[in-house]
């Protein structure tokens, strides 16, 4: 869940052409990581699971709006 400040100015999480990894832990800041390919997003998620399993529980991947 995003912080109160982030909720006051919502930002769309997806991107038109890039893959997005969203990390959204409860009561903490939301973070986005954008990359040009699905493979790089999956590598990022694997590294997140290995190095920060707590954050990885609240992470997911969004595909580009216009598809790639």
N, C-alpha and C. Protein backbone atom coordinates (compact mmCIF):
# COMPACT_ATOMS: atom_id res chain seq x y z
N UNK A 1 0.84 -1.18 0.00
CA UNK A 1 0.00 0.00 0.00
C UNK A 1 0.88 1.24 0.00
N UNK A 2 0.54 2.18 -0.78
CA UNK A 2 1.31 3.41 -0.89
C UNK A 2 1.17 4.25 0.37
N UNK A 3 2.11 5.16 0.55
CA UNK A 3 2.02 6.08 1.69
C UNK A 3 0.90 7.10 1.43
N UNK A 4 0.52 7.80 2.47
CA UNK A 4 -0.53 8.81 2.35
C UNK A 4 -0.16 9.84 1.29
N UNK A 5 1.09 10.27 1.29
CA UNK A 5 1.52 11.28 0.32
C UNK A 5 1.42 10.77 -1.12
N UNK A 6 1.78 9.52 -1.33
CA UNK A 6 1.68 8.96 -2.67
C UNK A 6 0.24 8.86 -3.12
N UNK A 7 -0.66 8.58 -2.20
CA UNK A 7 -2.08 8.46 -2.56
C UNK A 7 -2.70 9.80 -2.91
N UNK A 8 -2.11 10.90 -2.47
CA UNK A 8 -2.65 12.23 -2.77
C UNK A 8 -2.43 12.62 -4.22
N UNK A 9 -1.39 12.08 -4.83
CA UNK A 9 -1.08 12.36 -6.23
C UNK A 9 -0.84 11.04 -6.94
N UNK A 10 -1.91 10.32 -7.24
CA UNK A 10 -1.73 8.98 -7.83
C UNK A 10 -1.03 9.03 -9.19
N UNK A 11 -0.23 8.03 -9.41
CA UNK A 11 0.51 7.86 -10.66
C UNK A 11 0.11 6.53 -11.25
N UNK A 12 -0.10 6.49 -12.56
CA UNK A 12 -0.43 5.20 -13.17
C UNK A 12 0.79 4.29 -13.04
N UNK A 13 0.54 3.05 -12.69
CA UNK A 13 1.64 2.12 -12.43
C UNK A 13 2.20 1.52 -13.71
N UNK A 14 1.35 1.32 -14.70
CA UNK A 14 1.81 0.71 -15.94
C UNK A 14 2.46 1.76 -16.83
N UNK A 15 3.19 1.29 -17.82
CA UNK A 15 3.84 2.18 -18.79
C UNK A 15 3.39 1.77 -20.18
N UNK A 16 3.41 2.67 -21.11
CA UNK A 16 2.94 2.37 -22.47
C UNK A 16 3.79 1.30 -23.15
N UNK A 17 5.11 1.37 -22.99
CA UNK A 17 5.98 0.46 -23.73
C UNK A 17 6.94 -0.36 -22.86
N UNK A 18 7.08 -0.03 -21.60
CA UNK A 18 8.02 -0.73 -20.73
C UNK A 18 7.31 -1.67 -19.77
N UNK A 19 8.03 -2.72 -19.36
CA UNK A 19 7.56 -3.63 -18.32
C UNK A 19 7.83 -2.96 -16.98
N UNK A 20 6.92 -3.15 -16.01
CA UNK A 20 7.03 -2.49 -14.73
C UNK A 20 6.98 -3.51 -13.60
N UNK A 21 7.95 -3.44 -12.70
CA UNK A 21 7.91 -4.22 -11.47
C UNK A 21 7.44 -3.26 -10.39
N UNK A 22 6.34 -3.62 -9.72
CA UNK A 22 5.77 -2.79 -8.66
C UNK A 22 6.05 -3.47 -7.33
N UNK A 23 6.64 -2.73 -6.39
CA UNK A 23 6.85 -3.22 -5.03
C UNK A 23 6.01 -2.32 -4.14
N UNK A 24 4.98 -2.91 -3.51
CA UNK A 24 4.00 -2.12 -2.78
C UNK A 24 3.71 -2.72 -1.40
N UNK A 25 4.68 -2.65 -0.47
CA UNK A 25 4.45 -3.21 0.87
C UNK A 25 3.47 -2.35 1.67
N UNK A 26 2.73 -2.98 2.58
CA UNK A 26 1.75 -2.23 3.38
C UNK A 26 2.43 -1.17 4.26
N UNK A 27 1.84 0.00 4.29
CA UNK A 27 2.30 1.11 5.13
C UNK A 27 3.73 1.55 4.84
N UNK A 28 4.20 1.29 3.64
CA UNK A 28 5.53 1.75 3.23
C UNK A 28 5.43 2.35 1.84
N UNK A 29 6.52 2.96 1.40
CA UNK A 29 6.53 3.59 0.10
C UNK A 29 6.45 2.58 -1.03
N UNK A 30 5.67 2.89 -2.03
CA UNK A 30 5.59 2.08 -3.25
C UNK A 30 6.79 2.42 -4.11
N UNK A 31 7.34 1.40 -4.78
CA UNK A 31 8.48 1.61 -5.67
C UNK A 31 8.20 0.96 -7.01
N UNK A 32 8.68 1.58 -8.08
CA UNK A 32 8.53 1.04 -9.43
C UNK A 32 9.90 0.86 -10.06
N UNK A 33 10.04 -0.22 -10.81
CA UNK A 33 11.24 -0.46 -11.59
C UNK A 33 10.77 -0.74 -13.01
N UNK A 34 11.24 0.04 -13.96
CA UNK A 34 10.82 -0.14 -15.36
C UNK A 34 11.97 -0.68 -16.18
N UNK A 35 11.64 -1.58 -17.10
CA UNK A 35 12.64 -2.18 -17.95
C UNK A 35 12.04 -2.43 -19.32
N UNK A 36 12.89 -2.66 -20.29
CA UNK A 36 12.44 -2.79 -21.67
C UNK A 36 11.97 -4.19 -22.04
N UNK A 37 12.25 -5.19 -21.20
CA UNK A 37 11.86 -6.55 -21.59
C UNK A 37 11.31 -7.34 -20.40
N UNK A 38 10.51 -8.33 -20.72
CA UNK A 38 9.93 -9.21 -19.71
C UNK A 38 11.03 -9.98 -18.98
N UNK A 39 12.04 -10.40 -19.73
CA UNK A 39 13.13 -11.18 -19.15
C UNK A 39 13.87 -10.38 -18.07
N UNK A 40 14.13 -9.11 -18.32
CA UNK A 40 14.81 -8.28 -17.32
C UNK A 40 13.93 -8.06 -16.09
N UNK A 41 12.63 -7.92 -16.29
CA UNK A 41 11.71 -7.78 -15.16
C UNK A 41 11.71 -9.06 -14.31
N UNK A 42 11.74 -10.21 -14.96
CA UNK A 42 11.77 -11.48 -14.23
C UNK A 42 13.09 -11.66 -13.48
N UNK A 43 14.20 -11.24 -14.08
CA UNK A 43 15.50 -11.30 -13.39
C UNK A 43 15.46 -10.40 -12.15
N UNK A 44 14.89 -9.22 -12.29
CA UNK A 44 14.77 -8.31 -11.15
C UNK A 44 13.95 -8.96 -10.03
N UNK A 45 12.84 -9.60 -10.39
CA UNK A 45 12.01 -10.27 -9.38
C UNK A 45 12.77 -11.42 -8.71
N UNK A 46 13.52 -12.20 -9.48
CA UNK A 46 14.31 -13.30 -8.88
C UNK A 46 15.33 -12.75 -7.89
N UNK A 47 16.01 -11.66 -8.27
CA UNK A 47 16.98 -11.04 -7.36
C UNK A 47 16.30 -10.48 -6.12
N UNK A 48 15.13 -9.90 -6.29
CA UNK A 48 14.38 -9.38 -5.16
C UNK A 48 13.99 -10.50 -4.21
N UNK A 49 13.52 -11.62 -4.75
CA UNK A 49 13.15 -12.77 -3.90
C UNK A 49 14.36 -13.30 -3.14
N UNK A 50 15.51 -13.33 -3.80
CA UNK A 50 16.72 -13.87 -3.17
C UNK A 50 17.28 -12.93 -2.10
N UNK A 51 17.21 -11.62 -2.35
CA UNK A 51 17.85 -10.66 -1.46
C UNK A 51 16.92 -9.95 -0.49
N UNK A 52 15.63 -9.92 -0.79
CA UNK A 52 14.67 -9.24 0.08
C UNK A 52 13.32 -9.93 -0.01
N UNK A 53 13.20 -11.13 0.57
CA UNK A 53 11.95 -11.88 0.44
C UNK A 53 10.73 -11.16 1.02
N UNK A 54 10.93 -10.31 2.03
CA UNK A 54 9.81 -9.57 2.60
C UNK A 54 9.18 -8.63 1.59
N UNK A 55 10.00 -7.91 0.86
CA UNK A 55 9.50 -6.99 -0.17
C UNK A 55 8.94 -7.76 -1.36
N UNK A 56 9.56 -8.89 -1.66
CA UNK A 56 9.12 -9.69 -2.81
C UNK A 56 7.69 -10.21 -2.64
N UNK A 57 7.26 -10.38 -1.40
CA UNK A 57 5.88 -10.83 -1.16
C UNK A 57 4.86 -9.82 -1.68
N UNK A 58 5.27 -8.59 -1.79
CA UNK A 58 4.35 -7.52 -2.19
C UNK A 58 4.73 -6.94 -3.56
N UNK A 59 5.38 -7.74 -4.38
CA UNK A 59 5.84 -7.27 -5.70
C UNK A 59 5.15 -8.04 -6.80
N UNK A 60 4.96 -7.38 -7.93
CA UNK A 60 4.37 -8.00 -9.08
C UNK A 60 4.82 -7.28 -10.35
N UNK A 61 4.62 -7.94 -11.48
CA UNK A 61 5.06 -7.40 -12.77
C UNK A 61 3.84 -6.99 -13.59
N UNK A 62 3.90 -5.81 -14.19
CA UNK A 62 2.86 -5.33 -15.11
C UNK A 62 3.42 -5.28 -16.52
N UNK A 63 2.66 -5.79 -17.46
CA UNK A 63 3.12 -5.75 -18.85
C UNK A 63 2.82 -4.37 -19.45
N UNK A 64 3.47 -4.02 -20.53
CA UNK A 64 3.22 -2.72 -21.16
C UNK A 64 1.79 -2.60 -21.67
N UNK A 65 1.27 -1.40 -21.65
CA UNK A 65 -0.10 -1.16 -22.11
C UNK A 65 -0.23 -1.45 -23.61
N UNK A 66 0.79 -1.15 -24.37
CA UNK A 66 0.72 -1.34 -25.82
C UNK A 66 1.33 -2.65 -26.26
N UNK A 67 1.75 -3.48 -25.32
CA UNK A 67 2.28 -4.80 -25.64
C UNK A 67 3.59 -4.76 -26.37
N UNK A 68 4.44 -5.69 -26.03
CA UNK A 68 5.75 -5.83 -26.66
C UNK A 68 6.02 -7.28 -26.85
